[in-house]
Amino acid sequence: VNVKETGKILLVNYTDLNNLKVTEIGAARFLHDGGWDSTQRYFITAANQSNKIAVVDSKEDKLAALIDVGKIP
């Protein structure tokens, strides 16, 4: 879940619906659209006004990379 302007990404593990595990990951402000890579391991999301792309490793529950890109990825 992108928490948009805060620059935080929440990973939610739904394995046990009575005890959800939520992991908060700091990324970059102004998070926008994103999606999964073909392996379903990495979630990639654009941070439009920050000119960055955040890559989250869902297996390790951490930020894998914060990539500087050109204007408005």
PDB file of N, CA and C in Angstrom:
ATOM      1  N   VAL A   1       0.854  -1.165   0.000  1.00  0.00           N
ATOM      2  CA  VAL A   1       0.000   0.000   0.000  1.00  0.00           C
ATOM      3  C   VAL A   1       0.898   1.225   0.000  1.00  0.00           C
ATOM      4  N   ASN A   2       0.749   2.099  -0.984  1.00  0.00           N
ATOM      5  CA  ASN A   2       1.473   3.365  -0.998  1.00  0.00           C
ATOM      6  C   ASN A   2       0.732   4.362  -0.128  1.00  0.00           C
ATOM      7  N   VAL A   3       1.435   4.988   0.801  1.00  0.00           N
ATOM      8  CA  VAL A   3       0.824   6.016   1.624  1.00  0.00           C
ATOM      9  C   VAL A   3       1.239   7.368   1.035  1.00  0.00           C
ATOM     10  N   LYS A   4       1.059   7.468  -0.238  1.00  0.00           N
ATOM     11  CA  LYS A   4       1.277   8.615  -1.123  1.00  0.00           C
ATOM     12  C   LYS A   4       2.269   9.670  -0.628  1.00  0.00           C
ATOM     13  N   GLU A   5       1.760  10.842  -0.187  1.00  0.00           N
ATOM     14  CA  GLU A   5       2.608  11.990   0.117  1.00  0.00           C
ATOM     15  C   GLU A   5       3.559  11.763   1.289  1.00  0.00           C
ATOM     16  N   THR A   6       3.287  10.779   2.129  1.00  0.00           N
ATOM     17  CA  THR A   6       4.151  10.531   3.287  1.00  0.00           C
ATOM     18  C   THR A   6       5.470   9.878   2.897  1.00  0.00           C
ATOM     19  N   GLY A   7       5.501   9.244   1.733  1.00  0.00           N
ATOM     20  CA  GLY A   7       6.709   8.554   1.306  1.00  0.00           C
ATOM     21  C   GLY A   7       6.887   7.200   1.960  1.00  0.00           C
ATOM     22  N   LYS A   8       5.791   6.643   2.460  1.00  0.00           N
ATOM     23  CA  LYS A   8       5.872   5.342   3.110  1.00  0.00           C
ATOM     24  C   LYS A   8       5.109   4.291   2.315  1.00  0.00           C
ATOM     25  N   ILE A   9       5.636   3.083   2.347  1.00  0.00           N
ATOM     26  CA  ILE A   9       4.990   1.929   1.723  1.00  0.00           C
ATOM     27  C   ILE A   9       4.687   0.948   2.848  1.00  0.00           C
ATOM     28  N   LEU A  10       3.467   0.440   2.877  1.00  0.00           N
ATOM     29  CA  LEU A  10       3.089  -0.557   3.872  1.00  0.00           C
ATOM     30  C   LEU A  10       2.954  -1.909   3.191  1.00  0.00           C
ATOM     31  N   LEU A  11       3.706  -2.890   3.659  1.00  0.00           N
ATOM     32  CA  LEU A  11       3.558  -4.268   3.188  1.00  0.00           C
ATOM     33  C   LEU A  11       2.644  -4.980   4.174  1.00  0.00           C
ATOM     34  N   VAL A  12       1.600  -5.603   3.672  1.00  0.00           N
ATOM     35  CA  VAL A  12       0.652  -6.296   4.539  1.00  0.00           C
ATOM     36  C   VAL A  12       0.669  -7.781   4.197  1.00  0.00           C
ATOM     37  N   ASN A  13       0.973  -8.609   5.189  1.00  0.00           N
ATOM     38  CA  ASN A  13       0.971 -10.058   5.028  1.00  0.00           C
ATOM     39  C   ASN A  13      -0.392 -10.575   5.478  1.00  0.00           C
ATOM     40  N   TYR A  14      -1.153 -11.118   4.542  1.00  0.00           N
ATOM     41  CA  TYR A  14      -2.510 -11.591   4.802  1.00  0.00           C
ATOM     42  C   TYR A  14      -2.572 -13.093   5.108  1.00  0.00           C
ATOM     43  N   THR A  15      -1.443 -13.725   5.385  1.00  0.00           N
ATOM     44  CA  THR A  15      -1.423 -15.161   5.645  1.00  0.00           C
ATOM     45  C   THR A  15      -2.369 -15.545   6.783  1.00  0.00           C
ATOM     46  N   ASP A  16      -2.367 -14.758   7.857  1.00  0.00           N
ATOM     47  CA  ASP A  16      -3.254 -14.991   9.004  1.00  0.00           C
ATOM     48  C   ASP A  16      -4.141 -13.759   9.147  1.00  0.00           C
ATOM     49  N   LEU A  17      -5.377 -13.848   8.690  1.00  0.00           N
ATOM     50  CA  LEU A  17      -6.270 -12.689   8.677  1.00  0.00           C
ATOM     51  C   LEU A  17      -6.580 -12.152  10.072  1.00  0.00           C
ATOM     52  N   ASN A  18      -6.405 -12.961  11.093  1.00  0.00           N
ATOM     53  CA  ASN A  18      -6.653 -12.502  12.462  1.00  0.00           C
ATOM     54  C   ASN A  18      -5.443 -11.799  13.072  1.00  0.00           C
ATOM     55  N   ASN A  19      -4.298 -11.948  12.444  1.00  0.00           N
ATOM     56  CA  ASN A  19      -3.058 -11.333  12.932  1.00  0.00           C
ATOM     57  C   ASN A  19      -2.262 -10.790  11.751  1.00  0.00           C
ATOM     58  N   LEU A  20      -2.766  -9.732  11.144  1.00  0.00           N
ATOM     59  CA  LEU A  20      -2.083  -9.159   9.988  1.00  0.00           C
ATOM     60  C   LEU A  20      -0.719  -8.615  10.400  1.00  0.00           C
ATOM     61  N   LYS A  21       0.272  -8.874   9.562  1.00  0.00           N
ATOM     62  CA  LYS A  21       1.609  -8.331   9.793  1.00  0.00           C
ATOM     63  C   LYS A  21       1.790  -7.162   8.830  1.00  0.00           C
ATOM     64  N   VAL A  22       2.056  -5.978   9.384  1.00  0.00           N
ATOM     65  CA  VAL A  22       2.248  -4.786   8.567  1.00  0.00           C
ATOM     66  C   VAL A  22       3.682  -4.307   8.753  1.00  0.00           C
ATOM     67  N   THR A  23       4.390  -4.154   7.641  1.00  0.00           N
ATOM     68  CA  THR A  23       5.757  -3.655   7.658  1.00  0.00           C
ATOM     69  C   THR A  23       5.773  -2.294   6.978  1.00  0.00           C
ATOM     70  N   GLU A  24       6.290  -1.282   7.673  1.00  0.00           N
ATOM     71  CA  GLU A  24       6.371   0.074   7.122  1.00  0.00           C
ATOM     72  C   GLU A  24       7.768   0.300   6.561  1.00  0.00           C
ATOM     73  N   ILE A  25       7.813   0.758   5.298  1.00  0.00           N
ATOM     74  CA  ILE A  25       9.082   0.988   4.617  1.00  0.00           C
ATOM     75  C   ILE A  25       9.129   2.434   4.144  1.00  0.00           C
ATOM     76  N   GLY A  26      10.168   3.150   4.519  1.00  0.00           N
ATOM     77  CA  GLY A  26      10.365   4.512   4.037  1.00  0.00           C
ATOM     78  C   GLY A  26      10.889   4.484   2.613  1.00  0.00           C
ATOM     79  N   ALA A  27      10.343   5.351   1.765  1.00  0.00           N
ATOM     80  CA  ALA A  27      10.771   5.378   0.357  1.00  0.00           C
ATOM     81  C   ALA A  27      11.058   6.821  -0.048  1.00  0.00           C
ATOM     82  N   ALA A  28      10.186   7.411  -0.840  1.00  0.00           N
ATOM     83  CA  ALA A  28      10.316   8.804  -1.267  1.00  0.00           C
ATOM     84  C   ALA A  28       8.924   9.415  -1.269  1.00  0.00           C
ATOM     85  N   ARG A  29       8.841  10.702  -1.031  1.00  0.00           N
ATOM     86  CA  ARG A  29       7.541  11.364  -0.995  1.00  0.00           C
ATOM     87  C   ARG A  29       6.890  11.362  -2.371  1.00  0.00           C
ATOM     88  N   PHE A  30       5.585  11.520  -2.368  1.00  0.00           N
ATOM     89  CA  PHE A  30       4.766  11.620  -3.581  1.00  0.00           C
ATOM     90  C   PHE A  30       4.719  10.314  -4.376  1.00  0.00           C
ATOM     91  N   LEU A  31       4.575   9.201  -3.657  1.00  0.00           N
ATOM     92  CA  LEU A  31       4.436   7.902  -4.322  1.00  0.00           C
ATOM     93  C   LEU A  31       3.171   7.886  -5.160  1.00  0.00           C
ATOM     94  N   HIS A  32       3.226   7.188  -6.273  1.00  0.00           N
ATOM     95  CA  HIS A  32       2.098   7.166  -7.201  1.00  0.00           C
ATOM     96  C   HIS A  32       1.834   5.729  -7.633  1.00  0.00           C
ATOM     97  N   ASP A  33       1.658   5.529  -8.913  1.00  0.00           N
ATOM     98  CA  ASP A  33       1.330   4.203  -9.430  1.00  0.00           C
ATOM     99  C   ASP A  33       2.514   3.247  -9.322  1.00  0.00           C
ATOM    100  N   GLY A  34       2.184   1.971  -9.245  1.00  0.00           N
ATOM    101  CA  GLY A  34       3.222   0.957  -9.176  1.00  0.00           C
ATOM    102  C   GLY A  34       2.696  -0.387  -9.626  1.00  0.00           C
ATOM    103  N   GLY A  35       3.564  -1.372  -9.595  1.00  0.00           N
ATOM    104  CA  GLY A  35       3.165  -2.715  -9.992  1.00  0.00           C
ATOM    105  C   GLY A  35       4.256  -3.717  -9.677  1.00  0.00           C
ATOM    106  N   TRP A  36       3.927  -4.979  -9.880  1.00  0.00           N
ATOM    107  CA  TRP A  36       4.830  -6.086  -9.587  1.00  0.00           C
ATOM    108  C   TRP A  36       5.662  -6.452 -10.811  1.00  0.00           C
ATOM    109  N   ASP A  37       6.890  -6.899 -10.574  1.00  0.00           N
ATOM    110  CA  ASP A  37       7.705  -7.417 -11.665  1.00  0.00           C
ATOM    111  C   ASP A  37       7.208  -8.815 -12.022  1.00  0.00           C
ATOM    112  N   SER A  38       7.774  -9.406 -13.050  1.00  0.00           N
ATOM    113  CA  SER A  38       7.284 -10.695 -13.546  1.00  0.00           C
ATOM    114  C   SER A  38       7.467 -11.840 -12.550  1.00  0.00           C
ATOM    115  N   THR A  39       8.403 -11.701 -11.603  1.00  0.00           N
ATOM    116  CA  THR A  39       8.627 -12.760 -10.614  1.00  0.00           C
ATOM    117  C   THR A  39       7.711 -12.628  -9.403  1.00  0.00           C
ATOM    118  N   GLN A  40       7.013 -11.509  -9.304  1.00  0.00           N
ATOM    119  CA  GLN A  40       6.140 -11.199  -8.161  1.00  0.00           C
ATOM    120  C   GLN A  40       6.927 -11.010  -6.863  1.00  0.00           C
ATOM    121  N   ARG A  41       8.219 -10.794  -6.970  1.00  0.00           N
ATOM    122  CA  ARG A  41       9.034 -10.541  -5.774  1.00  0.00           C
ATOM    123  C   ARG A  41       9.191  -9.047  -5.520  1.00  0.00           C
ATOM    124  N   TYR A  42       9.355  -8.281  -6.583  1.00  0.00           N
ATOM    125  CA  TYR A  42       9.634  -6.854  -6.437  1.00  0.00           C
ATOM    126  C   TYR A  42       8.425  -6.008  -6.815  1.00  0.00           C
ATOM    127  N   PHE A  43       8.142  -5.017  -5.961  1.00  0.00           N
ATOM    128  CA  PHE A  43       7.098  -4.039  -6.251  1.00  0.00           C
ATOM    129  C   PHE A  43       7.805  -2.741  -6.602  1.00  0.00           C
ATOM    130  N   ILE A  44       7.436  -2.170  -7.733  1.00  0.00           N
ATOM    131  CA  ILE A  44       8.091  -0.975  -8.243  1.00  0.00           C
ATOM    132  C   ILE A  44       7.061   0.139  -8.295  1.00  0.00           C
ATOM    133  N   THR A  45       7.402   1.301  -7.730  1.00  0.00           N
ATOM    134  CA  THR A  45       6.456   2.409  -7.709  1.00  0.00           C
ATOM    135  C   THR A  45       7.163   3.730  -7.985  1.00  0.00           C
ATOM    136  N   ALA A  46       6.489   4.601  -8.700  1.00  0.00           N
ATOM    137  CA  ALA A  46       7.043   5.910  -9.039  1.00  0.00           C
ATOM    138  C   ALA A  46       6.758   6.900  -7.921  1.00  0.00           C
ATOM    139  N   ALA A  47       7.717   7.777  -7.675  1.00  0.00           N
ATOM    140  CA  ALA A  47       7.539   8.902  -6.756  1.00  0.00           C
ATOM    141  C   ALA A  47       7.644  10.153  -7.621  1.00  0.00           C
ATOM    142  N   ASN A  48       6.504  10.548  -8.177  1.00  0.00           N
ATOM    143  CA  ASN A  48       6.475  11.555  -9.232  1.00  0.00           C
ATOM    144  C   ASN A  48       7.237  12.839  -8.936  1.00  0.00           C
ATOM    145  N   GLN A  49       6.857  13.570  -7.926  1.00  0.00           N
ATOM    146  CA  GLN A  49       7.488  14.867  -7.684  1.00  0.00           C
ATOM    147  C   GLN A  49       8.843  14.754  -6.997  1.00  0.00           C
ATOM    148  N   SER A  50       9.239  13.547  -6.640  1.00  0.00           N
ATOM    149  CA  SER A  50      10.568  13.322  -6.063  1.00  0.00           C
ATOM    150  C   SER A  50      11.565  12.868  -7.120  1.00  0.00           C
ATOM    151  N   ASN A  51      11.059  12.574  -8.331  1.00  0.00           N
ATOM    152  CA  ASN A  51      11.900  12.107  -9.433  1.00  0.00           C
ATOM    153  C   ASN A  51      12.684  10.847  -9.070  1.00  0.00           C
ATOM    154  N   LYS A  52      11.972   9.909  -8.461  1.00  0.00           N
ATOM    155  CA  LYS A  52      12.589   8.655  -8.048  1.00  0.00           C
ATOM    156  C   LYS A  52      11.650   7.489  -8.338  1.00  0.00           C
ATOM    157  N   ILE A  53      12.219   6.298  -8.372  1.00  0.00           N
ATOM    158  CA  ILE A  53      11.445   5.061  -8.442  1.00  0.00           C
ATOM    159  C   ILE A  53      11.891   4.209  -7.257  1.00  0.00           C
ATOM    160  N   ALA A  54      10.918   3.728  -6.490  1.00  0.00           N
ATOM    161  CA  ALA A  54      11.209   2.873  -5.340  1.00  0.00           C
ATOM    162  C   ALA A  54      10.990   1.420  -5.732  1.00  0.00           C
ATOM    163  N   VAL A  55      11.911   0.562  -5.324  1.00  0.00           N
ATOM    164  CA  VAL A  55      11.813  -0.875  -5.580  1.00  0.00           C
ATOM    165  C   VAL A  55      11.810  -1.582  -4.229  1.00  0.00           C
ATOM    166  N   VAL A  56      10.728  -2.318  -3.947  1.00  0.00           N
ATOM    167  CA  VAL A  56      10.581  -3.020  -2.674  1.00  0.00           C
ATOM    168  C   VAL A  56      10.739  -4.518  -2.902  1.00  0.00           C
ATOM    169  N   ASP A  57      11.565  -5.144  -2.080  1.00  0.00           N
ATOM    170  CA  ASP A  57      11.756  -6.594  -2.112  1.00  0.00           C
ATOM    171  C   ASP A  57      10.741  -7.203  -1.144  1.00  0.00           C
ATOM    172  N   SER A  58       9.703  -7.837  -1.672  1.00  0.00           N
ATOM    173  CA  SER A  58       8.636  -8.371  -0.822  1.00  0.00           C
ATOM    174  C   SER A  58       9.060  -9.636  -0.074  1.00  0.00           C
ATOM    175  N   LYS A  59      10.118 -10.288  -0.523  1.00  0.00           N
ATOM    176  CA  LYS A  59      10.610 -11.476   0.181  1.00  0.00           C
ATOM    177  C   LYS A  59      11.384 -11.074   1.433  1.00  0.00           C
ATOM    178  N   GLU A  60      12.156 -10.002   1.322  1.00  0.00           N
ATOM    179  CA  GLU A  60      12.968  -9.512   2.439  1.00  0.00           C
ATOM    180  C   GLU A  60      12.250  -8.428   3.249  1.00  0.00           C
ATOM    181  N   ASP A  61      11.099  -7.964   2.767  1.00  0.00           N
ATOM    182  CA  ASP A  61      10.329  -6.892   3.426  1.00  0.00           C
ATOM    183  C   ASP A  61      11.157  -5.632   3.650  1.00  0.00           C
ATOM    184  N   LYS A  62      11.852  -5.193   2.579  1.00  0.00           N
ATOM    185  CA  LYS A  62      12.664  -3.986   2.716  1.00  0.00           C
ATOM    186  C   LYS A  62      12.796  -3.281   1.369  1.00  0.00           C
ATOM    187  N   LEU A  63      13.252  -2.047   1.430  1.00  0.00           N
ATOM    188  CA  LEU A  63      13.502  -1.266   0.230  1.00  0.00           C
ATOM    189  C   LEU A  63      14.753  -1.810  -0.443  1.00  0.00           C
ATOM    190  N   ALA A  64      14.627  -2.260  -1.684  1.00  0.00           N
ATOM    191  CA  ALA A  64      15.768  -2.812  -2.414  1.00  0.00           C
ATOM    192  C   ALA A  64      16.564  -1.711  -3.096  1.00  0.00           C
ATOM    193  N   ALA A  65      15.859  -0.672  -3.572  1.00  0.00           N
ATOM    194  CA  ALA A  65      16.543   0.424  -4.262  1.00  0.00           C
ATOM    195  C   ALA A  65      15.645   1.646  -4.318  1.00  0.00           C
ATOM    196  N   LEU A  66      16.277   2.804  -4.321  1.00  0.00           N
ATOM    197  CA  LEU A  66      15.602   4.073  -4.556  1.00  0.00           C
ATOM    198  C   LEU A  66      16.390   4.736  -5.676  1.00  0.00           C
ATOM    199  N   ILE A  67      15.822   4.727  -6.871  1.00  0.00           N
ATOM    200  CA  ILE A  67      16.550   5.097  -8.079  1.00  0.00           C
ATOM    201  C   ILE A  67      16.186   6.511  -8.506  1.00  0.00           C
ATOM    202  N   ASP A  68      17.206   7.364  -8.676  1.00  0.00           N
ATOM    203  CA  ASP A  68      16.991   8.702  -9.226  1.00  0.00           C
ATOM    204  C   ASP A  68      16.744   8.572 -10.717  1.00  0.00           C
ATOM    205  N   VAL A  69      15.704   9.239 -11.200  1.00  0.00           N
ATOM    206  CA  VAL A  69      15.360   9.196 -12.619  1.00  0.00           C
ATOM    207  C   VAL A  69      15.154  10.616 -13.124  1.00  0.00           C
ATOM    208  N   GLY A  70      14.886  10.737 -14.401  1.00  0.00           N
ATOM    209  CA  GLY A  70      14.596  12.043 -14.967  1.00  0.00           C
ATOM    210  C   GLY A  70      13.314  12.619 -14.396  1.00  0.00           C
ATOM    211  N   LYS A  71      12.953  13.752 -14.874  1.00  0.00           N
ATOM    212  CA  LYS A  71      11.777  14.448 -14.362  1.00  0.00           C
ATOM    213  C   LYS A  71      10.510  13.611 -14.526  1.00  0.00           C
ATOM    214  N   ILE A  72       9.781  13.463 -13.461  1.00  0.00           N
ATOM    215  CA  ILE A  72       8.491  12.768 -13.373  1.00  0.00           C
ATOM    216  C   ILE A  72       8.541  11.392 -14.044  1.00  0.00           C
ATOM    217  N   PRO A  73       8.935  10.383 -13.268  1.00  0.00           N
ATOM    218  CA  PRO A  73       9.043   9.023 -13.814  1.00  0.00           C
ATOM    219  C   PRO A  73       7.708   8.454 -14.249  1.00  0.00           C
TER     220      PRO A  73
END
